[in-house]
Amino acid sequence: MENLRLEIKTLIINALDLEDISPEDIDNDAPLFEAEGLGLDSIDALEIGVALRKRYKLQIEANGGGNRENFRSINTLVSYVQSQLQETK
């Protein structure tokens, strides 16, 4: 799980061109879309979704009801990706 967490942090940094941030700077439980976290916005969420689709071949619905909770933090995103990967096996 730690490898997946690091992969997703790196994917976010690369997808959003966050040059001044390293994976170690991102708290696993910090909210991604609030000021006390990374302070991302809805456009960032779309870019993360596209990157996750490409990297992990996930099916993420743009208006999916659970997206807000799934994209809340690194830990919730890791859990979501793991569950999606298990469904495709």
PDB file of N, CA and C in Angstrom:
ATOM      1  N   MET A   1       0.819  -1.195   0.000  1.00  0.00           N
ATOM      2  CA  MET A   1       0.000   0.000   0.000  1.00  0.00           C
ATOM      3  C   MET A   1       0.863   1.260   0.000  1.00  0.00           C
ATOM      4  N   GLU A   2       1.997   1.181   0.653  1.00  0.00           N
ATOM      5  CA  GLU A   2       2.885   2.345   0.707  1.00  0.00           C
ATOM      6  C   GLU A   2       3.404   2.698  -0.687  1.00  0.00           C
ATOM      7  N   ASN A   3       3.686   1.668  -1.501  1.00  0.00           N
ATOM      8  CA  ASN A   3       4.139   1.927  -2.869  1.00  0.00           C
ATOM      9  C   ASN A   3       3.068   2.641  -3.680  1.00  0.00           C
ATOM     10  N   LEU A   4       1.820   2.201  -3.527  1.00  0.00           N
ATOM     11  CA  LEU A   4       0.713   2.834  -4.242  1.00  0.00           C
ATOM     12  C   LEU A   4       0.528   4.268  -3.768  1.00  0.00           C
ATOM     13  N   ARG A   5       0.665   4.495  -2.470  1.00  0.00           N
ATOM     14  CA  ARG A   5       0.543   5.850  -1.921  1.00  0.00           C
ATOM     15  C   ARG A   5       1.601   6.772  -2.546  1.00  0.00           C
ATOM     16  N   LEU A   6       2.837   6.302  -2.620  1.00  0.00           N
ATOM     17  CA  LEU A   6       3.915   7.090  -3.212  1.00  0.00           C
ATOM     18  C   LEU A   6       3.659   7.316  -4.708  1.00  0.00           C
ATOM     19  N   GLU A   7       3.186   6.284  -5.412  1.00  0.00           N
ATOM     20  CA  GLU A   7       2.868   6.424  -6.835  1.00  0.00           C
ATOM     21  C   GLU A   7       1.807   7.495  -7.067  1.00  0.00           C
ATOM     22  N   ILE A   8       0.770   7.483  -6.246  1.00  0.00           N
ATOM     23  CA  ILE A   8      -0.324   8.443  -6.421  1.00  0.00           C
ATOM     24  C   ILE A   8       0.135   9.861  -6.081  1.00  0.00           C
ATOM     25  N   LYS A   9       0.925  10.009  -5.052  1.00  0.00           N
ATOM     26  CA  LYS A   9       1.474  11.335  -4.733  1.00  0.00           C
ATOM     27  C   LYS A   9       2.310  11.856  -5.892  1.00  0.00           C
ATOM     28  N   THR A  10       3.152  10.998  -6.441  1.00  0.00           N
ATOM     29  CA  THR A  10       4.005  11.386  -7.562  1.00  0.00           C
ATOM     30  C   THR A  10       3.160  11.703  -8.788  1.00  0.00           C
ATOM     31  N   LEU A  11       2.123  10.914  -9.035  1.00  0.00           N
ATOM     32  CA  LEU A  11       1.222  11.148 -10.154  1.00  0.00           C
ATOM     33  C   LEU A  11       0.553  12.519 -10.027  1.00  0.00           C
ATOM     34  N   ILE A  12       0.096  12.860  -8.831  1.00  0.00           N
ATOM     35  CA  ILE A  12      -0.538  14.168  -8.601  1.00  0.00           C
ATOM     36  C   ILE A  12       0.460  15.299  -8.844  1.00  0.00           C
ATOM     37  N   ILE A  13       1.657  15.163  -8.304  1.00  0.00           N
ATOM     38  CA  ILE A  13       2.689  16.192  -8.478  1.00  0.00           C
ATOM     39  C   ILE A  13       2.992  16.404  -9.956  1.00  0.00           C
ATOM     40  N   ASN A  14       3.134  15.314 -10.697  1.00  0.00           N
ATOM     41  CA  ASN A  14       3.459  15.419 -12.125  1.00  0.00           C
ATOM     42  C   ASN A  14       2.285  15.933 -12.937  1.00  0.00           C
ATOM     43  N   ALA A  15       1.079  15.429 -12.660  1.00  0.00           N
ATOM     44  CA  ALA A  15      -0.105  15.841 -13.430  1.00  0.00           C
ATOM     45  C   ALA A  15      -0.409  17.323 -13.254  1.00  0.00           C
ATOM     46  N   LEU A  16      -0.133  17.855 -12.061  1.00  0.00           N
ATOM     47  CA  LEU A  16      -0.453  19.249 -11.771  1.00  0.00           C
ATOM     48  C   LEU A  16       0.763  20.177 -11.823  1.00  0.00           C
ATOM     49  N   ASP A  17       1.898  19.635 -12.209  1.00  0.00           N
ATOM     50  CA  ASP A  17       3.137  20.420 -12.280  1.00  0.00           C
ATOM     51  C   ASP A  17       3.426  21.158 -10.976  1.00  0.00           C
ATOM     52  N   LEU A  18       3.343  20.442  -9.873  1.00  0.00           N
ATOM     53  CA  LEU A  18       3.616  21.022  -8.556  1.00  0.00           C
ATOM     54  C   LEU A  18       5.121  20.944  -8.291  1.00  0.00           C
ATOM     55  N   GLU A  19       5.860  21.863  -8.853  1.00  0.00           N
ATOM     56  CA  GLU A  19       7.318  21.821  -8.848  1.00  0.00           C
ATOM     57  C   GLU A  19       7.941  21.957  -7.464  1.00  0.00           C
ATOM     58  N   ASP A  20       7.299  22.674  -6.575  1.00  0.00           N
ATOM     59  CA  ASP A  20       7.893  22.944  -5.264  1.00  0.00           C
ATOM     60  C   ASP A  20       7.448  21.951  -4.195  1.00  0.00           C
ATOM     61  N   ILE A  21       6.792  20.875  -4.602  1.00  0.00           N
ATOM     62  CA  ILE A  21       6.267  19.902  -3.645  1.00  0.00           C
ATOM     63  C   ILE A  21       6.850  18.532  -3.950  1.00  0.00           C
ATOM     64  N   SER A  22       7.257  17.831  -2.889  1.00  0.00           N
ATOM     65  CA  SER A  22       7.730  16.447  -3.035  1.00  0.00           C
ATOM     66  C   SER A  22       6.688  15.527  -2.392  1.00  0.00           C
ATOM     67  N   PRO A  23       6.725  14.243  -2.700  1.00  0.00           N
ATOM     68  CA  PRO A  23       5.761  13.317  -2.088  1.00  0.00           C
ATOM     69  C   PRO A  23       5.758  13.376  -0.558  1.00  0.00           C
ATOM     70  N   GLU A  24       6.916  13.610   0.019  1.00  0.00           N
ATOM     71  CA  GLU A  24       7.016  13.676   1.483  1.00  0.00           C
ATOM     72  C   GLU A  24       6.290  14.886   2.066  1.00  0.00           C
ATOM     73  N   ASP A  25       6.082  15.908   1.249  1.00  0.00           N
ATOM     74  CA  ASP A  25       5.395  17.122   1.703  1.00  0.00           C
ATOM     75  C   ASP A  25       3.878  16.942   1.809  1.00  0.00           C
ATOM     76  N   ILE A  26       3.353  15.892   1.199  1.00  0.00           N
ATOM     77  CA  ILE A  26       1.907  15.689   1.165  1.00  0.00           C
ATOM     78  C   ILE A  26       1.494  14.749   2.284  1.00  0.00           C
ATOM     79  N   ASP A  27       0.726  15.275   3.220  1.00  0.00           N
ATOM     80  CA  ASP A  27       0.214  14.483   4.339  1.00  0.00           C
ATOM     81  C   ASP A  27      -0.858  13.529   3.815  1.00  0.00           C
ATOM     82  N   ASN A  28      -0.781  12.281   4.227  1.00  0.00           N
ATOM     83  CA  ASN A  28      -1.701  11.253   3.730  1.00  0.00           C
ATOM     84  C   ASN A  28      -3.160  11.518   4.079  1.00  0.00           C
ATOM     85  N   ASP A  29      -3.412  12.207   5.175  1.00  0.00           N
ATOM     86  CA  ASP A  29      -4.785  12.463   5.614  1.00  0.00           C
ATOM     87  C   ASP A  29      -5.239  13.897   5.379  1.00  0.00           C
ATOM     88  N   ALA A  30      -4.354  14.748   4.903  1.00  0.00           N
ATOM     89  CA  ALA A  30      -4.717  16.149   4.673  1.00  0.00           C
ATOM     90  C   ALA A  30      -5.699  16.249   3.511  1.00  0.00           C
ATOM     91  N   PRO A  31      -6.668  17.135   3.628  1.00  0.00           N
ATOM     92  CA  PRO A  31      -7.627  17.311   2.527  1.00  0.00           C
ATOM     93  C   PRO A  31      -6.922  17.895   1.295  1.00  0.00           C
ATOM     94  N   LEU A  32      -7.169  17.294   0.152  1.00  0.00           N
ATOM     95  CA  LEU A  32      -6.522  17.754  -1.072  1.00  0.00           C
ATOM     96  C   LEU A  32      -7.111  19.062  -1.575  1.00  0.00           C
ATOM     97  N   PHE A  33      -8.396  19.306  -1.270  1.00  0.00           N
ATOM     98  CA  PHE A  33      -9.109  20.436  -1.873  1.00  0.00           C
ATOM     99  C   PHE A  33      -9.474  21.529  -0.870  1.00  0.00           C
ATOM    100  N   GLU A  34      -8.730  21.615   0.214  1.00  0.00           N
ATOM    101  CA  GLU A  34      -8.950  22.676   1.191  1.00  0.00           C
ATOM    102  C   GLU A  34      -7.628  23.363   1.473  1.00  0.00           C
ATOM    103  N   ALA A  35      -7.703  24.581   1.946  1.00  0.00           N
ATOM    104  CA  ALA A  35      -6.501  25.401   2.160  1.00  0.00           C
ATOM    105  C   ALA A  35      -5.499  24.748   3.104  1.00  0.00           C
ATOM    106  N   GLU A  36      -5.979  24.011   4.119  1.00  0.00           N
ATOM    107  CA  GLU A  36      -5.040  23.387   5.048  1.00  0.00           C
ATOM    108  C   GLU A  36      -4.384  22.143   4.467  1.00  0.00           C
ATOM    109  N   GLY A  37      -4.789  21.745   3.276  1.00  0.00           N
ATOM    110  CA  GLY A  37      -4.157  20.650   2.543  1.00  0.00           C
ATOM    111  C   GLY A  37      -3.392  21.227   1.364  1.00  0.00           C
ATOM    112  N   LEU A  38      -3.602  20.649   0.184  1.00  0.00           N
ATOM    113  CA  LEU A  38      -2.934  21.161  -1.013  1.00  0.00           C
ATOM    114  C   LEU A  38      -3.650  22.347  -1.632  1.00  0.00           C
ATOM    115  N   GLY A  39      -4.911  22.559  -1.265  1.00  0.00           N
ATOM    116  CA  GLY A  39      -5.655  23.689  -1.809  1.00  0.00           C
ATOM    117  C   GLY A  39      -5.991  23.542  -3.286  1.00  0.00           C
ATOM    118  N   LEU A  40      -6.232  22.325  -3.732  1.00  0.00           N
ATOM    119  CA  LEU A  40      -6.547  22.081  -5.138  1.00  0.00           C
ATOM    120  C   LEU A  40      -7.965  22.539  -5.459  1.00  0.00           C
ATOM    121  N   ASP A  41      -8.266  22.642  -6.769  1.00  0.00           N
ATOM    122  CA  ASP A  41      -9.604  23.050  -7.188  1.00  0.00           C
ATOM    123  C   ASP A  41     -10.221  22.001  -8.117  1.00  0.00           C
ATOM    124  N   SER A  42     -11.388  22.303  -8.656  1.00  0.00           N
ATOM    125  CA  SER A  42     -12.113  21.331  -9.470  1.00  0.00           C
ATOM    126  C   SER A  42     -11.375  20.982 -10.767  1.00  0.00           C
ATOM    127  N   ILE A  43     -10.658  21.923 -11.334  1.00  0.00           N
ATOM    128  CA  ILE A  43      -9.869  21.636 -12.541  1.00  0.00           C
ATOM    129  C   ILE A  43      -8.759  20.651 -12.198  1.00  0.00           C
ATOM    130  N   ASP A  44      -8.145  20.831 -11.033  1.00  0.00           N
ATOM    131  CA  ASP A  44      -7.122  19.896 -10.573  1.00  0.00           C
ATOM    132  C   ASP A  44      -7.717  18.497 -10.403  1.00  0.00           C
ATOM    133  N   ALA A  45      -8.933  18.418  -9.889  1.00  0.00           N
ATOM    134  CA  ALA A  45      -9.600  17.123  -9.709  1.00  0.00           C
ATOM    135  C   ALA A  45      -9.778  16.425 -11.051  1.00  0.00           C
ATOM    136  N   LEU A  46     -10.165  17.187 -12.065  1.00  0.00           N
ATOM    137  CA  LEU A  46     -10.321  16.602 -13.402  1.00  0.00           C
ATOM    138  C   LEU A  46      -8.987  16.085 -13.930  1.00  0.00           C
ATOM    139  N   GLU A  47      -7.939  16.855 -13.740  1.00  0.00           N
ATOM    140  CA  GLU A  47      -6.620  16.435 -14.210  1.00  0.00           C
ATOM    141  C   GLU A  47      -6.131  15.198 -13.465  1.00  0.00           C
ATOM    142  N   ILE A  48      -6.394  15.128 -12.170  1.00  0.00           N
ATOM    143  CA  ILE A  48      -6.020  13.944 -11.394  1.00  0.00           C
ATOM    144  C   ILE A  48      -6.818  12.739 -11.896  1.00  0.00           C
ATOM    145  N   GLY A  49      -8.102  12.941 -12.137  1.00  0.00           N
ATOM    146  CA  GLY A  49      -8.946  11.863 -12.651  1.00  0.00           C
ATOM    147  C   GLY A  49      -8.435  11.327 -13.978  1.00  0.00           C
ATOM    148  N   VAL A  50      -8.052  12.217 -14.885  1.00  0.00           N
ATOM    149  CA  VAL A  50      -7.514  11.804 -16.189  1.00  0.00           C
ATOM    150  C   VAL A  50      -6.214  11.017 -15.992  1.00  0.00           C
ATOM    151  N   ALA A  51      -5.348  11.511 -15.132  1.00  0.00           N
ATOM    152  CA  ALA A  51      -4.072  10.829 -14.886  1.00  0.00           C
ATOM    153  C   ALA A  51      -4.298   9.440 -14.282  1.00  0.00           C
ATOM    154  N   LEU A  52      -5.256   9.322 -13.357  1.00  0.00           N
ATOM    155  CA  LEU A  52      -5.563   8.023 -12.757  1.00  0.00           C
ATOM    156  C   LEU A  52      -6.133   7.060 -13.794  1.00  0.00           C
ATOM    157  N   ARG A  53      -6.991   7.573 -14.664  1.00  0.00           N
ATOM    158  CA  ARG A  53      -7.560   6.734 -15.734  1.00  0.00           C
ATOM    159  C   ARG A  53      -6.459   6.189 -16.635  1.00  0.00           C
ATOM    160  N   LYS A  54      -5.530   7.058 -17.011  1.00  0.00           N
ATOM    161  CA  LYS A  54      -4.444   6.640 -17.899  1.00  0.00           C
ATOM    162  C   LYS A  54      -3.512   5.641 -17.217  1.00  0.00           C
ATOM    163  N   ARG A  55      -3.129   5.938 -16.002  1.00  0.00           N
ATOM    164  CA  ARG A  55      -2.141   5.107 -15.298  1.00  0.00           C
ATOM    165  C   ARG A  55      -2.702   3.762 -14.867  1.00  0.00           C
ATOM    166  N   TYR A  56      -3.913   3.762 -14.324  1.00  0.00           N
ATOM    167  CA  TYR A  56      -4.471   2.542 -13.733  1.00  0.00           C
ATOM    168  C   TYR A  56      -5.644   1.963 -14.522  1.00  0.00           C
ATOM    169  N   LYS A  57      -5.979   2.590 -15.673  1.00  0.00           N
ATOM    170  CA  LYS A  57      -7.093   2.113 -16.511  1.00  0.00           C
ATOM    171  C   LYS A  57      -8.407   2.049 -15.727  1.00  0.00           C
ATOM    172  N   LEU A  58      -8.645   3.068 -14.910  1.00  0.00           N
ATOM    173  CA  LEU A  58      -9.855   3.124 -14.088  1.00  0.00           C
ATOM    174  C   LEU A  58     -11.014   3.725 -14.862  1.00  0.00           C
ATOM    175  N   GLN A  59     -12.207   3.385 -14.450  1.00  0.00           N
ATOM    176  CA  GLN A  59     -13.429   4.001 -14.971  1.00  0.00           C
ATOM    177  C   GLN A  59     -13.949   4.948 -13.889  1.00  0.00           C
ATOM    178  N   ILE A  60     -13.705   6.225 -14.058  1.00  0.00           N
ATOM    179  CA  ILE A  60     -14.139   7.226 -13.087  1.00  0.00           C
ATOM    180  C   ILE A  60     -15.221   8.057 -13.745  1.00  0.00           C
ATOM    181  N   GLU A  61     -16.403   8.041 -13.184  1.00  0.00           N
ATOM    182  CA  GLU A  61     -17.500   8.829 -13.738  1.00  0.00           C
ATOM    183  C   GLU A  61     -17.350  10.283 -13.287  1.00  0.00           C
ATOM    184  N   ALA A  62     -17.485  11.201 -14.218  1.00  0.00           N
ATOM    185  CA  ALA A  62     -17.309  12.632 -13.917  1.00  0.00           C
ATOM    186  C   ALA A  62     -18.258  13.103 -12.830  1.00  0.00           C
ATOM    187  N   ASN A  63     -19.481  12.607 -12.824  1.00  0.00           N
ATOM    188  CA  ASN A  63     -20.462  13.026 -11.825  1.00  0.00           C
ATOM    189  C   ASN A  63     -20.761  11.912 -10.826  1.00  0.00           C
ATOM    190  N   GLY A  64     -19.793  11.041 -10.617  1.00  0.00           N
ATOM    191  CA  GLY A  64     -19.984   9.937  -9.682  1.00  0.00           C
ATOM    192  C   GLY A  64     -20.250  10.444  -8.281  1.00  0.00           C
ATOM    193  N   GLY A  65     -21.233   9.842  -7.633  1.00  0.00           N
ATOM    194  CA  GLY A  65     -21.648  10.292  -6.316  1.00  0.00           C
ATOM    195  C   GLY A  65     -20.567  10.225  -5.242  1.00  0.00           C
ATOM    196  N   GLY A  66     -19.652   9.272  -5.346  1.00  0.00           N
ATOM    197  CA  GLY A  66     -18.630   9.124  -4.319  1.00  0.00           C
ATOM    198  C   GLY A  66     -17.332   9.835  -4.618  1.00  0.00           C
ATOM    199  N   ASN A  67     -17.260  10.546  -5.724  1.00  0.00           N
ATOM    200  CA  ASN A  67     -15.996  11.179  -6.106  1.00  0.00           C
ATOM    201  C   ASN A  67     -15.470  12.151  -5.056  1.00  0.00           C
ATOM    202  N   ARG A  68     -16.337  12.935  -4.489  1.00  0.00           N
ATOM    203  CA  ARG A  68     -15.893  13.930  -3.484  1.00  0.00           C
ATOM    204  C   ARG A  68     -15.192  13.229  -2.317  1.00  0.00           C
ATOM    205  N   GLU A  69     -15.772  12.152  -1.826  1.00  0.00           N
ATOM    206  CA  GLU A  69     -15.164  11.424  -0.713  1.00  0.00           C
ATOM    207  C   GLU A  69     -13.927  10.655  -1.171  1.00  0.00           C
ATOM    208  N   ASN A  70     -13.973  10.052  -2.357  1.00  0.00           N
ATOM    209  CA  ASN A  70     -12.836   9.275  -2.862  1.00  0.00           C
ATOM    210  C   ASN A  70     -11.609  10.145  -3.100  1.00  0.00           C
ATOM    211  N   PHE A  71     -11.813  11.400  -3.466  1.00  0.00           N
ATOM    212  CA  PHE A  71     -10.711  12.309  -3.765  1.00  0.00           C
ATOM    213  C   PHE A  71     -10.391  13.229  -2.585  1.00  0.00           C
ATOM    214  N   ARG A  72     -10.901  12.928  -1.397  1.00  0.00           N
ATOM    215  CA  ARG A  72     -10.726  13.801  -0.238  1.00  0.00           C
ATOM    216  C   ARG A  72      -9.270  13.929   0.205  1.00  0.00           C
ATOM    217  N   SER A  73      -8.539  12.815   0.257  1.00  0.00           N
ATOM    218  CA  SER A  73      -7.151  12.820   0.726  1.00  0.00           C
ATOM    219  C   SER A  73      -6.373  11.739  -0.015  1.00  0.00           C
ATOM    220  N   ILE A  74      -5.088  11.680   0.231  1.00  0.00           N
ATOM    221  CA  ILE A  74      -4.274  10.618  -0.372  1.00  0.00           C
ATOM    222  C   ILE A  74      -4.778   9.256   0.091  1.00  0.00           C
ATOM    223  N   ASN A  75      -5.045   9.108   1.372  1.00  0.00           N
ATOM    224  CA  ASN A  75      -5.494   7.806   1.870  1.00  0.00           C
ATOM    225  C   ASN A  75      -6.819   7.363   1.252  1.00  0.00           C
ATOM    226  N   THR A  76      -7.770   8.277   1.093  1.00  0.00           N
ATOM    227  CA  THR A  76      -9.042   7.878   0.482  1.00  0.00           C
ATOM    228  C   THR A  76      -8.849   7.573  -1.003  1.00  0.00           C
ATOM    229  N   LEU A  77      -7.952   8.282  -1.643  1.00  0.00           N
ATOM    230  CA  LEU A  77      -7.665   8.032  -3.051  1.00  0.00           C
ATOM    231  C   LEU A  77      -6.987   6.669  -3.232  1.00  0.00           C
ATOM    232  N   VAL A  78      -6.067   6.332  -2.360  1.00  0.00           N
ATOM    233  CA  VAL A  78      -5.395   5.032  -2.410  1.00  0.00           C
ATOM    234  C   VAL A  78      -6.417   3.910  -2.214  1.00  0.00           C
ATOM    235  N   SER A  79      -7.294   4.067  -1.245  1.00  0.00           N
ATOM    236  CA  SER A  79      -8.330   3.047  -1.008  1.00  0.00           C
ATOM    237  C   SER A  79      -9.219   2.877  -2.228  1.00  0.00           C
ATOM    238  N   TYR A  80      -9.596   3.993  -2.848  1.00  0.00           N
ATOM    239  CA  TYR A  80     -10.437   3.954  -4.032  1.00  0.00           C
ATOM    240  C   TYR A  80      -9.731   3.235  -5.187  1.00  0.00           C
ATOM    241  N   VAL A  81      -8.483   3.598  -5.445  1.00  0.00           N
ATOM    242  CA  VAL A  81      -7.737   2.977  -6.540  1.00  0.00           C
ATOM    243  C   VAL A  81      -7.581   1.481  -6.281  1.00  0.00           C
ATOM    244  N   GLN A  82      -7.243   1.105  -5.045  1.00  0.00           N
ATOM    245  CA  GLN A  82      -7.115  -0.315  -4.708  1.00  0.00           C
ATOM    246  C   GLN A  82      -8.414  -1.061  -4.969  1.00  0.00           C
ATOM    247  N   SER A  83      -9.526  -0.492  -4.564  1.00  0.00           N
ATOM    248  CA  SER A  83     -10.810  -1.169  -4.763  1.00  0.00           C
ATOM    249  C   SER A  83     -11.130  -1.315  -6.246  1.00  0.00           C
ATOM    250  N   GLN A  84     -10.818  -0.291  -7.034  1.00  0.00           N
ATOM    251  CA  GLN A  84     -11.062  -0.358  -8.471  1.00  0.00           C
ATOM    252  C   GLN A  84     -10.161  -1.386  -9.146  1.00  0.00           C
ATOM    253  N   LEU A  85      -8.916  -1.461  -8.719  1.00  0.00           N
ATOM    254  CA  LEU A  85      -7.984  -2.428  -9.296  1.00  0.00           C
ATOM    255  C   LEU A  85      -8.410  -3.854  -8.962  1.00  0.00           C
ATOM    256  N   GLN A  86      -8.930  -4.067  -7.769  1.00  0.00           N
ATOM    257  CA  GLN A  86      -9.394  -5.397  -7.383  1.00  0.00           C
ATOM    258  C   GLN A  86     -10.619  -5.812  -8.185  1.00  0.00           C
ATOM    259  N   GLU A  87     -11.477  -4.862  -8.519  1.00  0.00           N
ATOM    260  CA  GLU A  87     -12.679  -5.158  -9.314  1.00  0.00           C
ATOM    261  C   GLU A  87     -12.328  -5.581 -10.726  1.00  0.00           C
ATOM    262  N   THR A  88     -11.212  -5.085 -11.254  1.00  0.00           N
ATOM    263  CA  THR A  88     -10.845  -5.404 -12.635  1.00  0.00           C
ATOM    264  C   THR A  88     -10.111  -6.740 -12.763  1.00  0.00           C
ATOM    265  N   LYS A  89      -9.749  -7.345 -11.648  1.00  0.00           N
ATOM    266  CA  LYS A  89      -9.045  -8.630 -11.692  1.00  0.00           C
ATOM    267  C   LYS A  89      -9.987  -9.766 -11.973  1.00  0.00           C
TER     268      LYS A  89
END
